[in-house]
Structures are given as structure tokens and as C-alpha cells.
PDB file of N, CA and C in Angstrom:
ATOM      1  N   MET A   1     147.523  16.955  54.399  1.00  0.00           N
ATOM      2  CA  MET A   1     146.405  17.855  54.234  1.00  0.00           C
ATOM      3  C   MET A   1     145.442  17.254  53.206  1.00  0.00           C
ATOM      4  N   SER A   2     144.157  17.342  53.486  1.00  0.00           N
ATOM      5  CA  SER A   2     143.222  16.713  52.586  1.00  0.00           C
ATOM      6  C   SER A   2     142.670  17.613  51.494  1.00  0.00           C
ATOM      7  N   GLY A   3     142.816  18.884  51.563  1.00  0.00           N
ATOM      8  CA  GLY A   3     142.359  19.737  50.475  1.00  0.00           C
ATOM      9  C   GLY A   3     141.667  20.993  50.974  1.00  0.00           C
ATOM     10  N   GLN A   4     141.102  21.718  50.017  1.00  0.00           N
ATOM     11  CA  GLN A   4     140.470  22.995  50.307  1.00  0.00           C
ATOM     12  C   GLN A   4     139.364  22.821  51.341  1.00  0.00           C
ATOM     13  N   GLY A   5     139.338  23.690  52.323  1.00  0.00           N
ATOM     14  CA  GLY A   5     138.337  23.647  53.369  1.00  0.00           C
ATOM     15  C   GLY A   5     138.698  22.747  54.533  1.00  0.00           C
ATOM     16  N   SER A   6     139.791  22.025  54.418  1.00  0.00           N
ATOM     17  CA  SER A   6     140.187  21.131  55.507  1.00  0.00           C
ATOM     18  C   SER A   6     140.736  21.942  56.672  1.00  0.00           C
ATOM     19  N   GLY A   7     140.801  21.300  57.819  1.00  0.00           N
ATOM     20  CA  GLY A   7     141.339  21.965  59.007  1.00  0.00           C
ATOM     21  C   GLY A   7     142.776  22.391  58.810  1.00  0.00           C
ATOM     22  N   GLY A   8     143.534  21.613  58.050  1.00  0.00           N
ATOM     23  CA  GLY A   8     144.928  21.954  57.773  1.00  0.00           C
ATOM     24  C   GLY A   8     145.055  23.239  56.978  1.00  0.00           C
ATOM     25  N   ASN A   9     144.152  23.434  56.024  1.00  0.00           N
ATOM     26  CA  ASN A   9     144.195  24.661  55.226  1.00  0.00           C
ATOM     27  C   ASN A   9     143.774  25.872  56.045  1.00  0.00           C
ATOM     28  N   VAL A  10     142.843  25.673  56.961  1.00  0.00           N
ATOM     29  CA  VAL A  10     142.426  26.775  57.832  1.00  0.00           C
ATOM     30  C   VAL A  10     143.596  27.180  58.726  1.00  0.00           C
ATOM     31  N   LEU A  11     144.284  26.197  59.269  1.00  0.00           N
ATOM     32  CA  LEU A  11     145.458  26.480  60.097  1.00  0.00           C
ATOM     33  C   LEU A  11     146.543  27.177  59.279  1.00  0.00           C
ATOM     34  N   ALA A  12     146.761  26.712  58.045  1.00  0.00           N
ATOM     35  CA  ALA A  12     147.766  27.332  57.175  1.00  0.00           C
ATOM     36  C   ALA A  12     147.395  28.772  56.854  1.00  0.00           C
ATOM     37  N   ALA A  13     146.119  29.034  56.602  1.00  0.00           N
ATOM     38  CA  ALA A  13     145.668  30.401  56.316  1.00  0.00           C
ATOM     39  C   ALA A  13     145.865  31.301  57.532  1.00  0.00           C
ATOM     40  N   LEU A  14     145.590  30.781  58.716  1.00  0.00           N
ATOM     41  CA  LEU A  14     145.803  31.565  59.933  1.00  0.00           C
ATOM     42  C   LEU A  14     147.282  31.873  60.142  1.00  0.00           C
ATOM     43  N   CYS A  15     148.132  30.904  59.853  1.00  0.00           N
ATOM     44  CA  CYS A  15     149.578  31.142  59.970  1.00  0.00           C
ATOM     45  C   CYS A  15     150.027  32.210  58.975  1.00  0.00           C
ATOM     46  N   SER A  16     149.498  32.155  57.751  1.00  0.00           N
ATOM     47  CA  SER A  16     149.854  33.149  56.745  1.00  0.00           C
ATOM     48  C   SER A  16     149.315  34.529  57.094  1.00  0.00           C
ATOM     49  N   PHE A  17     148.268  34.577  57.899  1.00  0.00           N
ATOM     50  CA  PHE A  17     147.732  35.860  58.349  1.00  0.00           C
ATOM     51  C   PHE A  17     148.775  36.601  59.177  1.00  0.00           C
ATOM     52  N   PHE A  18     149.516  35.862  59.993  1.00  0.00           N
ATOM     53  CA  PHE A  18     150.513  36.481  60.854  1.00  0.00           C
ATOM     54  C   PHE A  18     151.855  36.682  60.160  1.00  0.00           C
ATOM     55  N   ILE A  19     152.294  35.704  59.383  1.00  0.00           N
ATOM     56  CA  ILE A  19     153.566  35.803  58.656  1.00  0.00           C
ATOM     57  C   ILE A  19     153.338  35.275  57.240  1.00  0.00           C
ATOM     58  N   PRO A  20     153.446  36.138  56.225  1.00  0.00           N
ATOM     59  CA  PRO A  20     153.228  35.690  54.857  1.00  0.00           C
ATOM     60  C   PRO A  20     154.188  34.553  54.494  1.00  0.00           C
ATOM     61  N   GLY A  21     153.621  33.477  53.969  1.00  0.00           N
ATOM     62  CA  GLY A  21     154.439  32.339  53.557  1.00  0.00           C
ATOM     63  C   GLY A  21     154.518  31.235  54.590  1.00  0.00           C
ATOM     64  N   LEU A  22     154.161  31.519  55.830  1.00  0.00           N
ATOM     65  CA  LEU A  22     154.247  30.498  56.874  1.00  0.00           C
ATOM     66  C   LEU A  22     153.250  29.370  56.623  1.00  0.00           C
ATOM     67  N   GLY A  23     152.081  29.704  56.136  1.00  0.00           N
ATOM     68  CA  GLY A  23     151.085  28.675  55.821  1.00  0.00           C
ATOM     69  C   GLY A  23     151.558  27.749  54.710  1.00  0.00           C
ATOM     70  N   GLN A  24     152.187  28.325  53.700  1.00  0.00           N
ATOM     71  CA  GLN A  24     152.717  27.517  52.608  1.00  0.00           C
ATOM     72  C   GLN A  24     153.845  26.622  53.115  1.00  0.00           C
ATOM     73  N   LEU A  25     154.629  27.119  54.038  1.00  0.00           N
ATOM     74  CA  LEU A  25     155.703  26.338  54.639  1.00  0.00           C
ATOM     75  C   LEU A  25     155.120  25.146  55.408  1.00  0.00           C
ATOM     76  N   LEU A  26     154.028  25.358  56.118  1.00  0.00           N
ATOM     77  CA  LEU A  26     153.361  24.265  56.831  1.00  0.00           C
ATOM     78  C   LEU A  26     152.816  23.225  55.856  1.00  0.00           C
ATOM     79  N   GLN A  27     152.432  23.662  54.668  1.00  0.00           N
ATOM     80  CA  GLN A  27     151.907  22.746  53.651  1.00  0.00           C
ATOM     81  C   GLN A  27     153.023  22.050  52.882  1.00  0.00           C
ATOM     82  N   GLY A  28     154.269  22.391  53.175  1.00  0.00           N
ATOM     83  CA  GLY A  28     155.398  21.747  52.516  1.00  0.00           C
ATOM     84  C   GLY A  28     155.794  22.378  51.193  1.00  0.00           C
ATOM     85  N   ARG A  29     155.368  23.617  50.947  1.00  0.00           N
ATOM     86  CA  ARG A  29     155.691  24.311  49.697  1.00  0.00           C
ATOM     87  C   ARG A  29     156.735  25.385  49.987  1.00  0.00           C
ATOM     88  N   LEU A  30     157.992  24.949  50.053  1.00  0.00           N
ATOM     89  CA  LEU A  30     159.094  25.808  50.480  1.00  0.00           C
ATOM     90  C   LEU A  30     159.348  26.972  49.522  1.00  0.00           C
ATOM     91  N   VAL A  31     159.369  26.713  48.215  1.00  0.00           N
ATOM     92  CA  VAL A  31     159.726  27.757  47.240  1.00  0.00           C
ATOM     93  C   VAL A  31     158.715  28.903  47.267  1.00  0.00           C
ATOM     94  N   ILE A  32     157.424  28.589  47.208  1.00  0.00           N
ATOM     95  CA  ILE A  32     156.417  29.650  47.204  1.00  0.00           C
ATOM     96  C   ILE A  32     156.388  30.371  48.550  1.00  0.00           C
ATOM     97  N   ALA A  33     156.698  29.667  49.636  1.00  0.00           N
ATOM     98  CA  ALA A  33     156.765  30.301  50.957  1.00  0.00           C
ATOM     99  C   ALA A  33     157.862  31.361  50.993  1.00  0.00           C
ATOM    100  N   ILE A  34     159.021  31.023  50.465  1.00  0.00           N
ATOM    101  CA  ILE A  34     160.133  31.984  50.430  1.00  0.00           C
ATOM    102  C   ILE A  34     159.795  33.164  49.540  1.00  0.00           C
ATOM    103  N   ILE A  35     159.199  32.896  48.382  1.00  0.00           N
ATOM    104  CA  ILE A  35     158.830  33.970  47.446  1.00  0.00           C
ATOM    105  C   ILE A  35     157.850  34.933  48.115  1.00  0.00           C
ATOM    106  N   GLN A  36     156.819  34.406  48.747  1.00  0.00           N
ATOM    107  CA  GLN A  36     155.818  35.272  49.367  1.00  0.00           C
ATOM    108  C   GLN A  36     156.396  36.061  50.533  1.00  0.00           C
ATOM    109  N   PHE A  37     157.239  35.443  51.330  1.00  0.00           N
ATOM    110  CA  PHE A  37     157.843  36.143  52.466  1.00  0.00           C
ATOM    111  C   PHE A  37     158.744  37.283  51.987  1.00  0.00           C
ATOM    112  N   VAL A  38     159.583  37.006  51.005  1.00  0.00           N
ATOM    113  CA  VAL A  38     160.514  38.029  50.503  1.00  0.00           C
ATOM    114  C   VAL A  38     159.759  39.160  49.804  1.00  0.00           C
ATOM    115  N   LEU A  39     158.768  38.807  48.971  1.00  0.00           N
ATOM    116  CA  LEU A  39     157.985  39.844  48.285  1.00  0.00           C
ATOM    117  C   LEU A  39     157.226  40.719  49.277  1.00  0.00           C
ATOM    118  N   ALA A  40     156.625  40.107  50.282  1.00  0.00           N
ATOM    119  CA  ALA A  40     155.883  40.893  51.278  1.00  0.00           C
ATOM    120  C   ALA A  40     156.822  41.833  52.021  1.00  0.00           C
ATOM    121  N   ALA A  41     157.975  41.323  52.411  1.00  0.00           N
ATOM    122  CA  ALA A  41     158.935  42.171  53.138  1.00  0.00           C
ATOM    123  C   ALA A  41     159.411  43.323  52.265  1.00  0.00           C
ATOM    124  N   ALA A  42     159.694  43.048  51.005  1.00  0.00           N
ATOM    125  CA  ALA A  42     160.176  44.099  50.095  1.00  0.00           C
ATOM    126  C   ALA A  42     159.087  45.131  49.807  1.00  0.00           C
ATOM    127  N   LEU A  43     157.857  44.670  49.612  1.00  0.00           N
ATOM    128  CA  LEU A  43     156.789  45.598  49.249  1.00  0.00           C
ATOM    129  C   LEU A  43     156.231  46.372  50.437  1.00  0.00           C
ATOM    130  N   TRP A  44     156.461  45.897  51.667  1.00  0.00           N
ATOM    131  CA  TRP A  44     156.000  46.680  52.811  1.00  0.00           C
ATOM    132  C   TRP A  44     156.756  48.002  52.899  1.00  0.00           C
ATOM    133  N   VAL A  45     157.933  48.056  52.299  1.00  0.00           N
ATOM    134  CA  VAL A  45     158.688  49.311  52.264  1.00  0.00           C
ATOM    135  C   VAL A  45     157.884  50.383  51.519  1.00  0.00           C
ATOM    136  N   PHE A  46     157.124  49.947  50.491  1.00  0.00           N
ATOM    137  CA  PHE A  46     156.319  50.875  49.685  1.00  0.00           C
ATOM    138  C   PHE A  46     154.840  50.817  50.071  1.00  0.00           C
ATOM    139  N   LEU A  47     154.546  50.241  51.243  1.00  0.00           N
ATOM    140  CA  LEU A  47     153.179  50.100  51.759  1.00  0.00           C
ATOM    141  C   LEU A  47     152.279  49.274  50.842  1.00  0.00           C
ATOM    142  N   LEU A  48     152.852  48.349  50.074  1.00  0.00           N
ATOM    143  CA  LEU A  48     152.071  47.470  49.208  1.00  0.00           C
ATOM    144  C   LEU A  48     152.182  46.012  49.636  1.00  0.00           C
ATOM    145  N   GLY A  49     152.812  45.776  50.766  1.00  0.00           N
ATOM    146  CA  GLY A  49     152.986  44.415  51.242  1.00  0.00           C
ATOM    147  C   GLY A  49     151.679  43.714  51.570  1.00  0.00           C
ATOM    148  N   TRP A  50     150.637  44.474  51.828  1.00  0.00           N
ATOM    149  CA  TRP A  50     149.344  43.881  52.140  1.00  0.00           C
ATOM    150  C   TRP A  50     148.804  43.066  50.977  1.00  0.00           C
ATOM    151  N   LEU A  51     149.185  43.430  49.746  1.00  0.00           N
ATOM    152  CA  LEU A  51     148.740  42.651  48.576  1.00  0.00           C
ATOM    153  C   LEU A  51     149.297  41.234  48.630  1.00  0.00           C
ATOM    154  N   ILE A  52     150.575  41.108  48.895  1.00  0.00           N
ATOM    155  CA  ILE A  52     151.209  39.797  48.988  1.00  0.00           C
ATOM    156  C   ILE A  52     150.696  39.062  50.222  1.00  0.00           C
ATOM    157  N   HIS A  53     150.460  39.806  51.284  1.00  0.00           N
ATOM    158  CA  HIS A  53     149.940  39.214  52.511  1.00  0.00           C
ATOM    159  C   HIS A  53     148.581  38.556  52.240  1.00  0.00           C
ATOM    160  N   LEU A  54     147.692  39.253  51.562  1.00  0.00           N
ATOM    161  CA  LEU A  54     146.382  38.688  51.211  1.00  0.00           C
ATOM    162  C   LEU A  54     146.523  37.495  50.273  1.00  0.00           C
ATOM    163  N   TRP A  55     147.410  37.614  49.291  1.00  0.00           N
ATOM    164  CA  TRP A  55     147.650  36.516  48.362  1.00  0.00           C
ATOM    165  C   TRP A  55     148.098  35.275  49.132  1.00  0.00           C
ATOM    166  N   SER A  56     148.963  35.457  50.095  1.00  0.00           N
ATOM    167  CA  SER A  56     149.478  34.356  50.895  1.00  0.00           C
ATOM    168  C   SER A  56     148.356  33.664  51.668  1.00  0.00           C
ATOM    169  N   ILE A  57     147.464  34.433  52.264  1.00  0.00           N
ATOM    170  CA  ILE A  57     146.357  33.875  53.046  1.00  0.00           C
ATOM    171  C   ILE A  57     145.406  33.091  52.144  1.00  0.00           C
ATOM    172  N   ILE A  58     145.022  33.691  51.031  1.00  0.00           N
ATOM    173  CA  ILE A  58     144.086  33.045  50.105  1.00  0.00           C
ATOM    174  C   ILE A  58     144.704  31.801  49.482  1.00  0.00           C
ATOM    175  N   ASP A  59     145.981  31.877  49.112  1.00  0.00           N
ATOM    176  CA  ASP A  59     146.666  30.737  48.520  1.00  0.00           C
ATOM    177  C   ASP A  59     146.731  29.564  49.492  1.00  0.00           C
ATOM    178  N   ALA A  60     147.001  29.827  50.755  1.00  0.00           N
ATOM    179  CA  ALA A  60     147.066  28.766  51.758  1.00  0.00           C
ATOM    180  C   ALA A  60     145.688  28.146  51.979  1.00  0.00           C
ATOM    181  N   ALA A  61     144.654  28.961  51.964  1.00  0.00           N
ATOM    182  CA  ALA A  61     143.296  28.457  52.204  1.00  0.00           C
ATOM    183  C   ALA A  61     142.773  27.624  51.045  1.00  0.00           C
ATOM    184  N   LYS A  62     143.154  27.949  49.815  1.00  0.00           N
ATOM    185  CA  LYS A  62     142.612  27.269  48.639  1.00  0.00           C
ATOM    186  C   LYS A  62     143.494  26.148  48.101  1.00  0.00           C
ATOM    187  N   PHE A  63     144.596  25.856  48.774  1.00  0.00           N
ATOM    188  CA  PHE A  63     145.538  24.844  48.295  1.00  0.00           C
ATOM    189  C   PHE A  63     144.898  23.457  48.267  1.00  0.00           C
ATOM    190  N   LYS A  64     145.102  22.743  47.146  1.00  0.00           N
ATOM    191  CA  LYS A  64     144.652  21.366  47.017  1.00  0.00           C
ATOM    192  C   LYS A  64     145.874  20.502  46.718  1.00  0.00           C
ATOM    193  N   ALA A  65     146.142  19.564  47.582  1.00  0.00           N
ATOM    194  CA  ALA A  65     147.274  18.659  47.368  1.00  0.00           C
ATOM    195  C   ALA A  65     146.980  17.723  46.203  1.00  0.00           C
ATOM    196  N   LYS A  66     148.022  17.406  45.460  1.00  0.00           N
ATOM    197  CA  LYS A  66     147.823  16.529  44.300  1.00  0.00           C
ATOM    198  C   LYS A  66     147.998  15.079  44.664  1.00  0.00           C
TER     199      LYS A  66
END
């Protein structure tokens, strides 16, 4: 992935739109992907999972590889 705004980040953001953490998984960030998926699943019980879902989408879109 080449960085913010790249086609890879757009694809990752779209994946995170459907499943929180999937975009991060595509970017090779396993730990944050698991954290976002588990937090979203846990918070959807209290109808707050959308917060983590949005965080996941924005994080995938703005990711810059080092």
C-alpha cells in the first residue's frame, strides 16, 4: 500500500465498512484488526458499535505505511 488516498486504502476502508477490522487485516495490521472487531461486536450489544465501526473505516482510509 502506498499511503493515504491510495487505491489500497480505499479498498481497505470499504472492507471495514462491511466488517470492522477487515480493512486493517488487509493492510497487514492483525492486532488492531482483532481489537476493532471484538470491540465493535461487544459494543453492538449496547447499540454503540457504530462508534468502533466508524473508527475502523476512518483508520483504514488514513493509514500511512512506514
